Amino acid sequence: MRCFFRDIAVFAAAAVLVCGFAAGASAGGLARWYMSAAVLLGAASWQWAVQPAVHRAAAALAELACRPLRLVHKMLVRPAQMRLQAAQSRRRACRKAKKSAKIKKSAEKRLQKPSKVLYN
């Protein structure tokens, strides 16, 4: 949608310049009906013929500009993320194992002391 508004703004600026030139070049110095029709026809032909090619070229240029960033992400950032995730999962597993061992140990310690059992 942004590209549409940008295209309209560029075309409107070009149309103003063309109409200004045409009005200045005409005998009376005023814009004629056929000048407005030519601007409308130019807008329609831009939308149909030129705009797709311009957008494809802009997308290709953006792809070309972003390729080094993707390479850096692939070779540096992603391996670092994987190492970080592996370290976090190892820490989580270690904590979980410690916690389960502690719970198991505390379950065994819940028995009463033999000295208390004798007096009850």
PDB file of N, CA and C in Angstrom:
ATOM      1  N   MET A   1       0.829  -1.187   0.000  1.00  0.00           N
ATOM      2  CA  MET A   1       0.000   0.000   0.000  1.00  0.00           C
ATOM      3  C   MET A   1       0.878   1.256   0.000  1.00  0.00           C
ATOM      4  N   ARG A   2       2.015   1.195   0.749  1.00  0.00           N
ATOM      5  CA  ARG A   2       2.902   2.348   0.777  1.00  0.00           C
ATOM      6  C   ARG A   2       3.416   2.666  -0.615  1.00  0.00           C
ATOM      7  N   CYS A   3       3.738   1.609  -1.379  1.00  0.00           N
ATOM      8  CA  CYS A   3       4.282   1.817  -2.724  1.00  0.00           C
ATOM      9  C   CYS A   3       3.240   2.499  -3.614  1.00  0.00           C
ATOM     10  N   PHE A   4       1.979   2.147  -3.431  1.00  0.00           N
ATOM     11  CA  PHE A   4       0.925   2.750  -4.234  1.00  0.00           C
ATOM     12  C   PHE A   4       0.880   4.254  -3.987  1.00  0.00           C
ATOM     13  N   PHE A   5       0.897   4.665  -2.725  1.00  0.00           N
ATOM     14  CA  PHE A   5       0.829   6.092  -2.405  1.00  0.00           C
ATOM     15  C   PHE A   5       2.088   6.827  -2.875  1.00  0.00           C
ATOM     16  N   ARG A   6       3.231   6.161  -2.768  1.00  0.00           N
ATOM     17  CA  ARG A   6       4.464   6.770  -3.249  1.00  0.00           C
ATOM     18  C   ARG A   6       4.404   6.947  -4.765  1.00  0.00           C
ATOM     19  N   ASP A   7       3.888   5.943  -5.467  1.00  0.00           N
ATOM     20  CA  ASP A   7       3.761   6.050  -6.923  1.00  0.00           C
ATOM     21  C   ASP A   7       2.802   7.172  -7.313  1.00  0.00           C
ATOM     22  N   ILE A   8       1.704   7.275  -6.591  1.00  0.00           N
ATOM     23  CA  ILE A   8       0.731   8.330  -6.884  1.00  0.00           C
ATOM     24  C   ILE A   8       1.364   9.702  -6.662  1.00  0.00           C
ATOM     25  N   ALA A   9       2.121   9.850  -5.580  1.00  0.00           N
ATOM     26  CA  ALA A   9       2.754  11.139  -5.287  1.00  0.00           C
ATOM     27  C   ALA A   9       3.779  11.502  -6.360  1.00  0.00           C
ATOM     28  N   VAL A  10       4.579  10.540  -6.799  1.00  0.00           N
ATOM     29  CA  VAL A  10       5.575  10.809  -7.840  1.00  0.00           C
ATOM     30  C   VAL A  10       4.883  11.162  -9.146  1.00  0.00           C
ATOM     31  N   PHE A  11       3.859  10.402  -9.461  1.00  0.00           N
ATOM     32  CA  PHE A  11       3.156  10.688 -10.711  1.00  0.00           C
ATOM     33  C   PHE A  11       2.460  12.046 -10.657  1.00  0.00           C
ATOM     34  N   ALA A  12       1.885  12.393  -9.510  1.00  0.00           N
ATOM     35  CA  ALA A  12       1.222  13.691  -9.390  1.00  0.00           C
ATOM     36  C   ALA A  12       2.231  14.829  -9.570  1.00  0.00           C
ATOM     37  N   ALA A  13       3.419  14.675  -8.999  1.00  0.00           N
ATOM     38  CA  ALA A  13       4.444  15.709  -9.169  1.00  0.00           C
ATOM     39  C   ALA A  13       4.847  15.830 -10.638  1.00  0.00           C
ATOM     40  N   ALA A  14       5.012  14.687 -11.299  1.00  0.00           N
ATOM     41  CA  ALA A  14       5.360  14.715 -12.728  1.00  0.00           C
ATOM     42  C   ALA A  14       4.231  15.331 -13.544  1.00  0.00           C
ATOM     43  N   ALA A  15       2.985  15.012 -13.182  1.00  0.00           N
ATOM     44  CA  ALA A  15       1.839  15.550 -13.910  1.00  0.00           C
ATOM     45  C   ALA A  15       1.765  17.072 -13.772  1.00  0.00           C
ATOM     46  N   VAL A  16       2.034  17.573 -12.580  1.00  0.00           N
ATOM     47  CA  VAL A  16       2.020  19.021 -12.371  1.00  0.00           C
ATOM     48  C   VAL A  16       3.085  19.687 -13.240  1.00  0.00           C
ATOM     49  N   LEU A  17       4.265  19.104 -13.286  1.00  0.00           N
ATOM     50  CA  LEU A  17       5.321  19.660 -14.124  1.00  0.00           C
ATOM     51  C   LEU A  17       4.952  19.625 -15.603  1.00  0.00           C
ATOM     52  N   VAL A  18       4.391  18.509 -16.061  1.00  0.00           N
ATOM     53  CA  VAL A  18       4.013  18.382 -17.474  1.00  0.00           C
ATOM     54  C   VAL A  18       2.895  19.359 -17.813  1.00  0.00           C
ATOM     55  N   CYS A  19       1.891  19.433 -16.942  1.00  0.00           N
ATOM     56  CA  CYS A  19       0.779  20.363 -17.216  1.00  0.00           C
ATOM     57  C   CYS A  19       1.259  21.813 -17.187  1.00  0.00           C
ATOM     58  N   GLY A  20       2.170  22.103 -16.281  1.00  0.00           N
ATOM     59  CA  GLY A  20       2.711  23.465 -16.239  1.00  0.00           C
ATOM     60  C   GLY A  20       3.469  23.801 -17.507  1.00  0.00           C
ATOM     61  N   PHE A  21       4.248  22.856 -17.975  1.00  0.00           N
ATOM     62  CA  PHE A  21       4.979  23.078 -19.225  1.00  0.00           C
ATOM     63  C   PHE A  21       4.017  23.212 -20.402  1.00  0.00           C
ATOM     64  N   ALA A  22       3.003  22.320 -20.451  1.00  0.00           N
ATOM     65  CA  ALA A  22       2.049  22.349 -21.558  1.00  0.00           C
ATOM     66  C   ALA A  22       1.235  23.639 -21.541  1.00  0.00           C
ATOM     67  N   ALA A  23       0.845  24.079 -20.356  1.00  0.00           N
ATOM     68  CA  ALA A  23       0.074  25.318 -20.268  1.00  0.00           C
ATOM     69  C   ALA A  23       0.930  26.506 -20.686  1.00  0.00           C
ATOM     70  N   GLY A  24       2.187  26.470 -20.319  1.00  0.00           N
ATOM     71  CA  GLY A  24       3.077  27.548 -20.724  1.00  0.00           C
ATOM     72  C   GLY A  24       3.337  27.545 -22.220  1.00  0.00           C
ATOM     73  N   ALA A  25       3.337  26.372 -22.810  1.00  0.00           N
ATOM     74  CA  ALA A  25       3.618  26.263 -24.240  1.00  0.00           C
ATOM     75  C   ALA A  25       2.380  26.510 -25.097  1.00  0.00           C
ATOM     76  N   SER A  26       1.185  26.391 -24.492  1.00  0.00           N
ATOM     77  CA  SER A  26      -0.026  26.605 -25.293  1.00  0.00           C
ATOM     78  C   SER A  26      -0.190  28.096 -25.603  1.00  0.00           C
ATOM     79  N   ALA A  27      -1.015  28.369 -26.585  1.00  0.00           N
ATOM     80  CA  ALA A  27      -1.166  29.749 -27.060  1.00  0.00           C
ATOM     81  C   ALA A  27      -1.793  30.650 -25.992  1.00  0.00           C
ATOM     82  N   GLY A  28      -2.798  30.132 -25.290  1.00  0.00           N
ATOM     83  CA  GLY A  28      -3.496  30.968 -24.313  1.00  0.00           C
ATOM     84  C   GLY A  28      -2.837  30.967 -22.952  1.00  0.00           C
ATOM     85  N   GLY A  29      -1.949  30.014 -22.683  1.00  0.00           N
ATOM     86  CA  GLY A  29      -1.312  29.939 -21.377  1.00  0.00           C
ATOM     87  C   GLY A  29      -2.157  29.226 -20.337  1.00  0.00           C
ATOM     88  N   LEU A  30      -3.252  28.568 -20.771  1.00  0.00           N
ATOM     89  CA  LEU A  30      -4.120  27.843 -19.849  1.00  0.00           C
ATOM     90  C   LEU A  30      -4.088  26.355 -20.173  1.00  0.00           C
ATOM     91  N   ALA A  31      -4.383  25.552 -19.165  1.00  0.00           N
ATOM     92  CA  ALA A  31      -4.446  24.106 -19.394  1.00  0.00           C
ATOM     93  C   ALA A  31      -5.716  23.782 -20.183  1.00  0.00           C
ATOM     94  N   ARG A  32      -5.596  22.895 -21.145  1.00  0.00           N
ATOM     95  CA  ARG A  32      -6.724  22.490 -21.985  1.00  0.00           C
ATOM     96  C   ARG A  32      -7.231  21.125 -21.520  1.00  0.00           C
ATOM     97  N   TRP A  33      -8.416  20.714 -22.013  1.00  0.00           N
ATOM     98  CA  TRP A  33      -9.014  19.452 -21.615  1.00  0.00           C
ATOM     99  C   TRP A  33      -8.147  18.275 -22.052  1.00  0.00           C
ATOM    100  N   TYR A  34      -7.525  18.392 -23.214  1.00  0.00           N
ATOM    101  CA  TYR A  34      -6.722  17.273 -23.707  1.00  0.00           C
ATOM    102  C   TYR A  34      -5.438  17.095 -22.890  1.00  0.00           C
ATOM    103  N   MET A  35      -5.014  18.154 -22.199  1.00  0.00           N
ATOM    104  CA  MET A  35      -3.858  18.018 -21.315  1.00  0.00           C
ATOM    105  C   MET A  35      -4.225  17.169 -20.099  1.00  0.00           C
ATOM    106  N   SER A  36      -5.417  17.398 -19.554  1.00  0.00           N
ATOM    107  CA  SER A  36      -5.894  16.599 -18.429  1.00  0.00           C
ATOM    108  C   SER A  36      -6.116  15.151 -18.846  1.00  0.00           C
ATOM    109  N   ALA A  37      -6.654  14.953 -20.049  1.00  0.00           N
ATOM    110  CA  ALA A  37      -6.857  13.593 -20.552  1.00  0.00           C
ATOM    111  C   ALA A  37      -5.517  12.883 -20.737  1.00  0.00           C
ATOM    112  N   ALA A  38      -4.509  13.616 -21.203  1.00  0.00           N
ATOM    113  CA  ALA A  38      -3.187  13.017 -21.376  1.00  0.00           C
ATOM    114  C   ALA A  38      -2.588  12.611 -20.026  1.00  0.00           C
ATOM    115  N   VAL A  39      -2.808  13.420 -18.997  1.00  0.00           N
ATOM    116  CA  VAL A  39      -2.317  13.073 -17.662  1.00  0.00           C
ATOM    117  C   VAL A  39      -3.020  11.820 -17.155  1.00  0.00           C
ATOM    118  N   LEU A  40      -4.325  11.724 -17.336  1.00  0.00           N
ATOM    119  CA  LEU A  40      -5.078  10.543 -16.922  1.00  0.00           C
ATOM    120  C   LEU A  40      -4.606   9.310 -17.676  1.00  0.00           C
ATOM    121  N   LEU A  41      -4.411   9.441 -18.985  1.00  0.00           N
ATOM    122  CA  LEU A  41      -3.918   8.335 -19.790  1.00  0.00           C
ATOM    123  C   LEU A  41      -2.500   7.936 -19.348  1.00  0.00           C
ATOM    124  N   GLY A  42      -1.680   8.912 -19.030  1.00  0.00           N
ATOM    125  CA  GLY A  42      -0.333   8.621 -18.540  1.00  0.00           C
ATOM    126  C   GLY A  42      -0.364   7.874 -17.213  1.00  0.00           C
ATOM    127  N   ALA A  43      -1.271   8.246 -16.319  1.00  0.00           N
ATOM    128  CA  ALA A  43      -1.393   7.550 -15.034  1.00  0.00           C
ATOM    129  C   ALA A  43      -1.818   6.101 -15.241  1.00  0.00           C
ATOM    130  N   ALA A  44      -2.782   5.890 -16.135  1.00  0.00           N
ATOM    131  CA  ALA A  44      -3.236   4.523 -16.405  1.00  0.00           C
ATOM    132  C   ALA A  44      -2.128   3.684 -17.027  1.00  0.00           C
ATOM    133  N   SER A  45      -1.390   4.257 -17.964  1.00  0.00           N
ATOM    134  CA  SER A  45      -0.322   3.489 -18.590  1.00  0.00           C
ATOM    135  C   SER A  45       0.829   3.229 -17.613  1.00  0.00           C
ATOM    136  N   TRP A  46       1.096   4.159 -16.712  1.00  0.00           N
ATOM    137  CA  TRP A  46       2.100   3.925 -15.675  1.00  0.00           C
ATOM    138  C   TRP A  46       1.691   2.741 -14.808  1.00  0.00           C
ATOM    139  N   GLN A  47       0.434   2.742 -14.381  1.00  0.00           N
ATOM    140  CA  GLN A  47      -0.064   1.673 -13.519  1.00  0.00           C
ATOM    141  C   GLN A  47       0.028   0.327 -14.228  1.00  0.00           C
ATOM    142  N   TRP A  48      -0.215   0.298 -15.515  1.00  0.00           N
ATOM    143  CA  TRP A  48      -0.277  -0.953 -16.250  1.00  0.00           C
ATOM    144  C   TRP A  48       1.091  -1.411 -16.742  1.00  0.00           C
ATOM    145  N   ALA A  49       1.918  -0.507 -17.234  1.00  0.00           N
ATOM    146  CA  ALA A  49       3.139  -0.912 -17.927  1.00  0.00           C
ATOM    147  C   ALA A  49       4.416  -0.701 -17.105  1.00  0.00           C
ATOM    148  N   VAL A  50       4.565   0.423 -16.465  1.00  0.00           N
ATOM    149  CA  VAL A  50       5.849   0.762 -15.873  1.00  0.00           C
ATOM    150  C   VAL A  50       5.960   0.313 -14.414  1.00  0.00           C
ATOM    151  N   GLN A  51       4.898   0.462 -13.655  1.00  0.00           N
ATOM    152  CA  GLN A  51       4.955   0.193 -12.223  1.00  0.00           C
ATOM    153  C   GLN A  51       5.417  -1.235 -11.895  1.00  0.00           C
ATOM    154  N   PRO A  52       4.907  -2.300 -12.545  1.00  0.00           N
ATOM    155  CA  PRO A  52       5.401  -3.641 -12.202  1.00  0.00           C
ATOM    156  C   PRO A  52       6.906  -3.802 -12.405  1.00  0.00           C
ATOM    157  N   ALA A  53       7.417  -3.238 -13.489  1.00  0.00           N
ATOM    158  CA  ALA A  53       8.856  -3.349 -13.745  1.00  0.00           C
ATOM    159  C   ALA A  53       9.661  -2.588 -12.698  1.00  0.00           C
ATOM    160  N   VAL A  54       9.182  -1.432 -12.308  1.00  0.00           N
ATOM    161  CA  VAL A  54       9.884  -0.639 -11.287  1.00  0.00           C
ATOM    162  C   VAL A  54       9.880  -1.382  -9.947  1.00  0.00           C
ATOM    163  N   HIS A  55       8.752  -1.974  -9.591  1.00  0.00           N
ATOM    164  CA  HIS A  55       8.674  -2.691  -8.322  1.00  0.00           C
ATOM    165  C   HIS A  55       9.543  -3.953  -8.343  1.00  0.00           C
ATOM    166  N   ARG A  56       9.592  -4.657  -9.473  1.00  0.00           N
ATOM    167  CA  ARG A  56      10.471  -5.825  -9.576  1.00  0.00           C
ATOM    168  C   ARG A  56      11.937  -5.410  -9.431  1.00  0.00           C
ATOM    169  N   ALA A  57      12.301  -4.313 -10.069  1.00  0.00           N
ATOM    170  CA  ALA A  57      13.681  -3.835  -9.974  1.00  0.00           C
ATOM    171  C   ALA A  57      14.020  -3.424  -8.534  1.00  0.00           C
ATOM    172  N   ALA A  58      13.087  -2.766  -7.865  1.00  0.00           N
ATOM    173  CA  ALA A  58      13.322  -2.361  -6.472  1.00  0.00           C
ATOM    174  C   ALA A  58      13.440  -3.583  -5.567  1.00  0.00           C
ATOM    175  N   ALA A  59      12.614  -4.607  -5.794  1.00  0.00           N
ATOM    176  CA  ALA A  59      12.694  -5.828  -4.990  1.00  0.00           C
ATOM    177  C   ALA A  59      14.025  -6.544  -5.227  1.00  0.00           C
ATOM    178  N   ALA A  60      14.478  -6.586  -6.480  1.00  0.00           N
ATOM    179  CA  ALA A  60      15.761  -7.223  -6.786  1.00  0.00           C
ATOM    180  C   ALA A  60      16.910  -6.458  -6.140  1.00  0.00           C
ATOM    181  N   LEU A  61      16.837  -5.139  -6.156  1.00  0.00           N
ATOM    182  CA  LEU A  61      17.875  -4.316  -5.531  1.00  0.00           C
ATOM    183  C   LEU A  61      17.890  -4.516  -4.012  1.00  0.00           C
ATOM    184  N   ALA A  62      16.716  -4.598  -3.403  1.00  0.00           N
ATOM    185  CA  ALA A  62      16.642  -4.837  -1.962  1.00  0.00           C
ATOM    186  C   ALA A  62      17.192  -6.225  -1.619  1.00  0.00           C
ATOM    187  N   GLU A  63      16.878  -7.207  -2.443  1.00  0.00           N
ATOM    188  CA  GLU A  63      17.403  -8.562  -2.230  1.00  0.00           C
ATOM    189  C   GLU A  63      18.923  -8.564  -2.313  1.00  0.00           C
ATOM    190  N   LEU A  64      19.449  -7.868  -3.285  1.00  0.00           N
ATOM    191  CA  LEU A  64      20.895  -7.788  -3.463  1.00  0.00           C
ATOM    192  C   LEU A  64      21.556  -7.070  -2.283  1.00  0.00           C
ATOM    193  N   ALA A  65      20.914  -6.042  -1.775  1.00  0.00           N
ATOM    194  CA  ALA A  65      21.466  -5.288  -0.641  1.00  0.00           C
ATOM    195  C   ALA A  65      21.408  -6.103   0.653  1.00  0.00           C
ATOM    196  N   CYS A  66      20.407  -6.960   0.806  1.00  0.00           N
ATOM    197  CA  CYS A  66      20.237  -7.731   2.039  1.00  0.00           C
ATOM    198  C   CYS A  66      21.011  -9.042   2.042  1.00  0.00           C
ATOM    199  N   ARG A  67      21.542  -9.464   0.910  1.00  0.00           N
ATOM    200  CA  ARG A  67      22.246 -10.743   0.833  1.00  0.00           C
ATOM    201  C   ARG A  67      23.436 -10.826   1.792  1.00  0.00           C
ATOM    202  N   PRO A  68      24.284  -9.793   1.915  1.00  0.00           N
ATOM    203  CA  PRO A  68      25.382  -9.901   2.890  1.00  0.00           C
ATOM    204  C   PRO A  68      24.888 -10.032   4.333  1.00  0.00           C
ATOM    205  N   LEU A  69      23.787  -9.367   4.652  1.00  0.00           N
ATOM    206  CA  LEU A  69      23.240  -9.481   6.009  1.00  0.00           C
ATOM    207  C   LEU A  69      22.740 -10.890   6.283  1.00  0.00           C
ATOM    208  N   ARG A  70      22.133 -11.518   5.286  1.00  0.00           N
ATOM    209  CA  ARG A  70      21.668 -12.894   5.455  1.00  0.00           C
ATOM    210  C   ARG A  70      22.849 -13.837   5.653  1.00  0.00           C
ATOM    211  N   LEU A  71      23.923 -13.587   4.919  1.00  0.00           N
ATOM    212  CA  LEU A  71      25.116 -14.415   5.055  1.00  0.00           C
ATOM    213  C   LEU A  71      25.703 -14.283   6.457  1.00  0.00           C
ATOM    214  N   VAL A  72      25.771 -13.065   6.963  1.00  0.00           N
ATOM    215  CA  VAL A  72      26.274 -12.851   8.329  1.00  0.00           C
ATOM    216  C   VAL A  72      25.368 -13.551   9.336  1.00  0.00           C
ATOM    217  N   HIS A  73      24.079 -13.465   9.142  1.00  0.00           N
ATOM    218  CA  HIS A  73      23.145 -14.115  10.056  1.00  0.00           C
ATOM    219  C   HIS A  73      23.334 -15.629  10.014  1.00  0.00           C
ATOM    220  N   LYS A  74      23.499 -16.166   8.825  1.00  0.00           N
ATOM    221  CA  LYS A  74      23.635 -17.614   8.669  1.00  0.00           C
ATOM    222  C   LYS A  74      24.937 -18.124   9.269  1.00  0.00           C
ATOM    223  N   MET A  75      26.030 -17.362   9.100  1.00  0.00           N
ATOM    224  CA  MET A  75      27.335 -17.860   9.527  1.00  0.00           C
ATOM    225  C   MET A  75      27.707 -17.475  10.957  1.00  0.00           C
ATOM    226  N   LEU A  76      27.151 -16.407  11.493  1.00  0.00           N
ATOM    227  CA  LEU A  76      27.540 -15.959  12.832  1.00  0.00           C
ATOM    228  C   LEU A  76      26.412 -16.018  13.852  1.00  0.00           C
ATOM    229  N   VAL A  77      25.286 -15.451  13.509  1.00  0.00           N
ATOM    230  CA  VAL A  77      24.210 -15.301  14.495  1.00  0.00           C
ATOM    231  C   VAL A  77      23.519 -16.629  14.785  1.00  0.00           C
ATOM    232  N   ARG A  78      23.152 -17.361  13.751  1.00  0.00           N
ATOM    233  CA  ARG A  78      22.416 -18.608  13.965  1.00  0.00           C
ATOM    234  C   ARG A  78      23.227 -19.633  14.763  1.00  0.00           C
ATOM    235  N   PRO A  79      24.534 -19.862  14.467  1.00  0.00           N
ATOM    236  CA  PRO A  79      25.292 -20.800  15.312  1.00  0.00           C
ATOM    237  C   PRO A  79      25.388 -20.346  16.772  1.00  0.00           C
ATOM    238  N   ALA A  80      25.517 -19.050  16.980  1.00  0.00           N
ATOM    239  CA  ALA A  80      25.557 -18.546  18.361  1.00  0.00           C
ATOM    240  C   ALA A  80      24.229 -18.802  19.065  1.00  0.00           C
ATOM    241  N   GLN A  81      23.126 -18.605  18.359  1.00  0.00           N
ATOM    242  CA  GLN A  81      21.814 -18.884  18.946  1.00  0.00           C
ATOM    243  C   GLN A  81      21.674 -20.362  19.293  1.00  0.00           C
ATOM    244  N   MET A  82      22.144 -21.228  18.406  1.00  0.00           N
ATOM    245  CA  MET A  82      22.043 -22.667  18.658  1.00  0.00           C
ATOM    246  C   MET A  82      22.881 -23.060  19.885  1.00  0.00           C
ATOM    247  N   ARG A  83      24.103 -22.509  20.010  1.00  0.00           N
ATOM    248  CA  ARG A  83      24.925 -22.804  21.185  1.00  0.00           C
ATOM    249  C   ARG A  83      24.265 -22.309  22.463  1.00  0.00           C
ATOM    250  N   LEU A  84      23.663 -21.130  22.400  1.00  0.00           N
ATOM    251  CA  LEU A  84      22.980 -20.577  23.564  1.00  0.00           C
ATOM    252  C   LEU A  84      21.787 -21.441  23.966  1.00  0.00           C
ATOM    253  N   GLN A  85      21.006 -21.875  22.984  1.00  0.00           N
ATOM    254  CA  GLN A  85      19.859 -22.738  23.286  1.00  0.00           C
ATOM    255  C   GLN A  85      20.310 -24.070  23.860  1.00  0.00           C
ATOM    256  N   ALA A  86      21.393 -24.631  23.330  1.00  0.00           N
ATOM    257  CA  ALA A  86      21.899 -25.901  23.852  1.00  0.00           C
ATOM    258  C   ALA A  86      22.362 -25.741  25.299  1.00  0.00           C
ATOM    259  N   ALA A  87      23.050 -24.649  25.595  1.00  0.00           N
ATOM    260  CA  ALA A  87      23.501 -24.406  26.964  1.00  0.00           C
ATOM    261  C   ALA A  87      22.313 -24.234  27.905  1.00  0.00           C
ATOM    262  N   GLN A  88      21.297 -23.518  27.462  1.00  0.00           N
ATOM    263  CA  GLN A  88      20.107 -23.334  28.298  1.00  0.00           C
ATOM    264  C   GLN A  88      19.402 -24.658  28.551  1.00  0.00           C
ATOM    265  N   SER A  89      19.282 -25.489  27.528  1.00  0.00           N
ATOM    266  CA  SER A  89      18.605 -26.775  27.722  1.00  0.00           C
ATOM    267  C   SER A  89      19.427 -27.688  28.640  1.00  0.00           C
ATOM    268  N   ARG A  90      20.772 -27.628  28.549  1.00  0.00           N
ATOM    269  CA  ARG A  90      21.610 -28.415  29.464  1.00  0.00           C
ATOM    270  C   ARG A  90      21.418 -27.941  30.899  1.00  0.00           C
ATOM    271  N   ARG A  91      21.382 -26.618  31.098  1.00  0.00           N
ATOM    272  CA  ARG A  91      21.164 -26.083  32.442  1.00  0.00           C
ATOM    273  C   ARG A  91      19.805 -26.508  32.990  1.00  0.00           C
ATOM    274  N   ARG A  92      18.774 -26.416  32.145  1.00  0.00           N
ATOM    275  CA  ARG A  92      17.436 -26.828  32.580  1.00  0.00           C
ATOM    276  C   ARG A  92      17.403 -28.302  32.966  1.00  0.00           C
ATOM    277  N   ALA A  93      18.037 -29.148  32.155  1.00  0.00           N
ATOM    278  CA  ALA A  93      18.061 -30.579  32.443  1.00  0.00           C
ATOM    279  C   ALA A  93      18.815 -30.861  33.736  1.00  0.00           C
ATOM    280  N   CYS A  94      19.917 -30.143  33.970  1.00  0.00           N
ATOM    281  CA  CYS A  94      20.692 -30.320  35.193  1.00  0.00           C
ATOM    282  C   CYS A  94      19.871 -29.898  36.407  1.00  0.00           C
ATOM    283  N   ARG A  95      19.201 -28.753  36.301  1.00  0.00           N
ATOM    284  CA  ARG A  95      18.353 -28.292  37.414  1.00  0.00           C
ATOM    285  C   ARG A  95      17.225 -29.272  37.702  1.00  0.00           C
ATOM    286  N   LYS A  96      16.632 -29.803  36.641  1.00  0.00           N
ATOM    287  CA  LYS A  96      15.534 -30.746  36.807  1.00  0.00           C
ATOM    288  C   LYS A  96      16.029 -32.036  37.464  1.00  0.00           C
ATOM    289  N   ALA A  97      17.210 -32.504  37.060  1.00  0.00           N
ATOM    290  CA  ALA A  97      17.769 -33.710  37.662  1.00  0.00           C
ATOM    291  C   ALA A  97      18.092 -33.488  39.138  1.00  0.00           C
ATOM    292  N   LYS A  98      18.666 -32.322  39.465  1.00  0.00           N
ATOM    293  CA  LYS A  98      18.974 -32.011  40.865  1.00  0.00           C
ATOM    294  C   LYS A  98      17.695 -31.955  41.696  1.00  0.00           C
ATOM    295  N   LYS A  99      16.673 -31.326  41.120  1.00  0.00           N
ATOM    296  CA  LYS A  99      15.418 -31.175  41.846  1.00  0.00           C
ATOM    297  C   LYS A  99      14.768 -32.532  42.090  1.00  0.00           C
ATOM    298  N   SER A 100      14.779 -33.390  41.079  1.00  0.00           N
ATOM    299  CA  SER A 100      14.164 -34.711  41.260  1.00  0.00           C
ATOM    300  C   SER A 100      14.971 -35.544  42.259  1.00  0.00           C
ATOM    301  N   ALA A 101      16.309 -35.419  42.256  1.00  0.00           N
ATOM    302  CA  ALA A 101      17.134 -36.138  43.237  1.00  0.00           C
ATOM    303  C   ALA A 101      16.858 -35.618  44.638  1.00  0.00           C
ATOM    304  N   LYS A 102      16.683 -34.313  44.788  1.00  0.00           N
ATOM    305  CA  LYS A 102      16.404 -33.715  46.090  1.00  0.00           C
ATOM    306  C   LYS A 102      15.038 -34.179  46.603  1.00  0.00           C
ATOM    307  N   ILE A 103      14.046 -34.228  45.698  1.00  0.00           N
ATOM    308  CA  ILE A 103      12.702 -34.683  46.102  1.00  0.00           C
ATOM    309  C   ILE A 103      12.757 -36.150  46.513  1.00  0.00           C
ATOM    310  N   LYS A 104      13.513 -36.948  45.768  1.00  0.00           N
ATOM    311  CA  LYS A 104      13.634 -38.368  46.091  1.00  0.00           C
ATOM    312  C   LYS A 104      14.317 -38.550  47.442  1.00  0.00           C
ATOM    313  N   LYS A 105      15.356 -37.754  47.687  1.00  0.00           N
ATOM    314  CA  LYS A 105      16.090 -37.830  48.938  1.00  0.00           C
ATOM    315  C   LYS A 105      15.213 -37.369  50.103  1.00  0.00           C
ATOM    316  N   SER A 106      14.429 -36.311  49.884  1.00  0.00           N
ATOM    317  CA  SER A 106      13.583 -35.799  50.962  1.00  0.00           C
ATOM    318  C   SER A 106      12.427 -36.761  51.238  1.00  0.00           C
ATOM    319  N   ALA A 107      12.000 -37.514  50.243  1.00  0.00           N
ATOM    320  CA  ALA A 107      10.943 -38.499  50.463  1.00  0.00           C
ATOM    321  C   ALA A 107      11.442 -39.616  51.371  1.00  0.00           C
ATOM    322  N   GLU A 108      12.708 -39.962  51.227  1.00  0.00           N
ATOM    323  CA  GLU A 108      13.285 -40.998  52.087  1.00  0.00           C
ATOM    324  C   GLU A 108      13.480 -40.482  53.511  1.00  0.00           C
ATOM    325  N   LYS A 109      13.704 -39.215  53.682  1.00  0.00           N
ATOM    326  CA  LYS A 109      13.971 -38.638  54.996  1.00  0.00           C
ATOM    327  C   LYS A 109      12.693 -38.356  55.789  1.00  0.00           C
ATOM    328  N   ARG A 110      11.544 -38.620  55.274  1.00  0.00           N
ATOM    329  CA  ARG A 110      10.300 -38.293  55.964  1.00  0.00           C
ATOM    330  C   ARG A 110       9.972 -39.275  57.103  1.00  0.00           C
ATOM    331  N   LEU A 111      10.720 -40.323  57.190  1.00  0.00           N
ATOM    332  CA  LEU A 111      10.471 -41.302  58.261  1.00  0.00           C
ATOM    333  C   LEU A 111      10.841 -40.700  59.621  1.00  0.00           C
ATOM    334  N   GLN A 112      10.152 -41.152  60.653  1.00  0.00           N
ATOM    335  CA  GLN A 112      10.450 -40.659  61.996  1.00  0.00           C
ATOM    336  C   GLN A 112      11.736 -41.286  62.520  1.00  0.00           C
ATOM    337  N   LYS A 113      12.350 -40.593  63.399  1.00  0.00           N
ATOM    338  CA  LYS A 113      13.563 -41.109  64.012  1.00  0.00           C
ATOM    339  C   LYS A 113      13.199 -42.308  64.894  1.00  0.00           C
ATOM    340  N   PRO A 114      14.081 -43.263  64.976  1.00  0.00           N
ATOM    341  CA  PRO A 114      13.774 -44.450  65.818  1.00  0.00           C
ATOM    342  C   PRO A 114      13.531 -44.090  67.286  1.00  0.00           C
ATOM    343  N   SER A 115      14.192 -43.043  67.791  1.00  0.00           N
ATOM    344  CA  SER A 115      13.982 -42.678  69.197  1.00  0.00           C
ATOM    345  C   SER A 115      12.565 -42.165  69.424  1.00  0.00           C
ATOM    346  N   LYS A 116      11.996 -41.463  68.453  1.00  0.00           N
ATOM    347  CA  LYS A 116      10.623 -40.993  68.580  1.00  0.00           C
ATOM    348  C   LYS A 116       9.638 -42.130  68.468  1.00  0.00           C
ATOM    349  N   VAL A 117       9.936 -43.089  67.653  1.00  0.00           N
ATOM    350  CA  VAL A 117       9.030 -44.228  67.461  1.00  0.00           C
ATOM    351  C   VAL A 117       8.926 -45.025  68.771  1.00  0.00           C
ATOM    352  N   LEU A 118      10.026 -45.155  69.536  1.00  0.00           N
ATOM    353  CA  LEU A 118      10.007 -45.914  70.767  1.00  0.00           C
ATOM    354  C   LEU A 118       9.103 -45.300  71.831  1.00  0.00           C
ATOM    355  N   TYR A 119       9.051 -43.989  71.903  1.00  0.00           N
ATOM    356  CA  TYR A 119       8.247 -43.313  72.932  1.00  0.00           C
ATOM    357  C   TYR A 119       6.794 -43.155  72.556  1.00  0.00           C
ATOM    358  N   ASN A 120       6.416 -43.397  71.335  1.00  0.00           N
ATOM    359  CA  ASN A 120       5.008 -43.233  70.929  1.00  0.00           C
ATOM    360  C   ASN A 120       4.323 -44.472  71.249  1.00  0.00           C
TER     361      ASN A 120
END
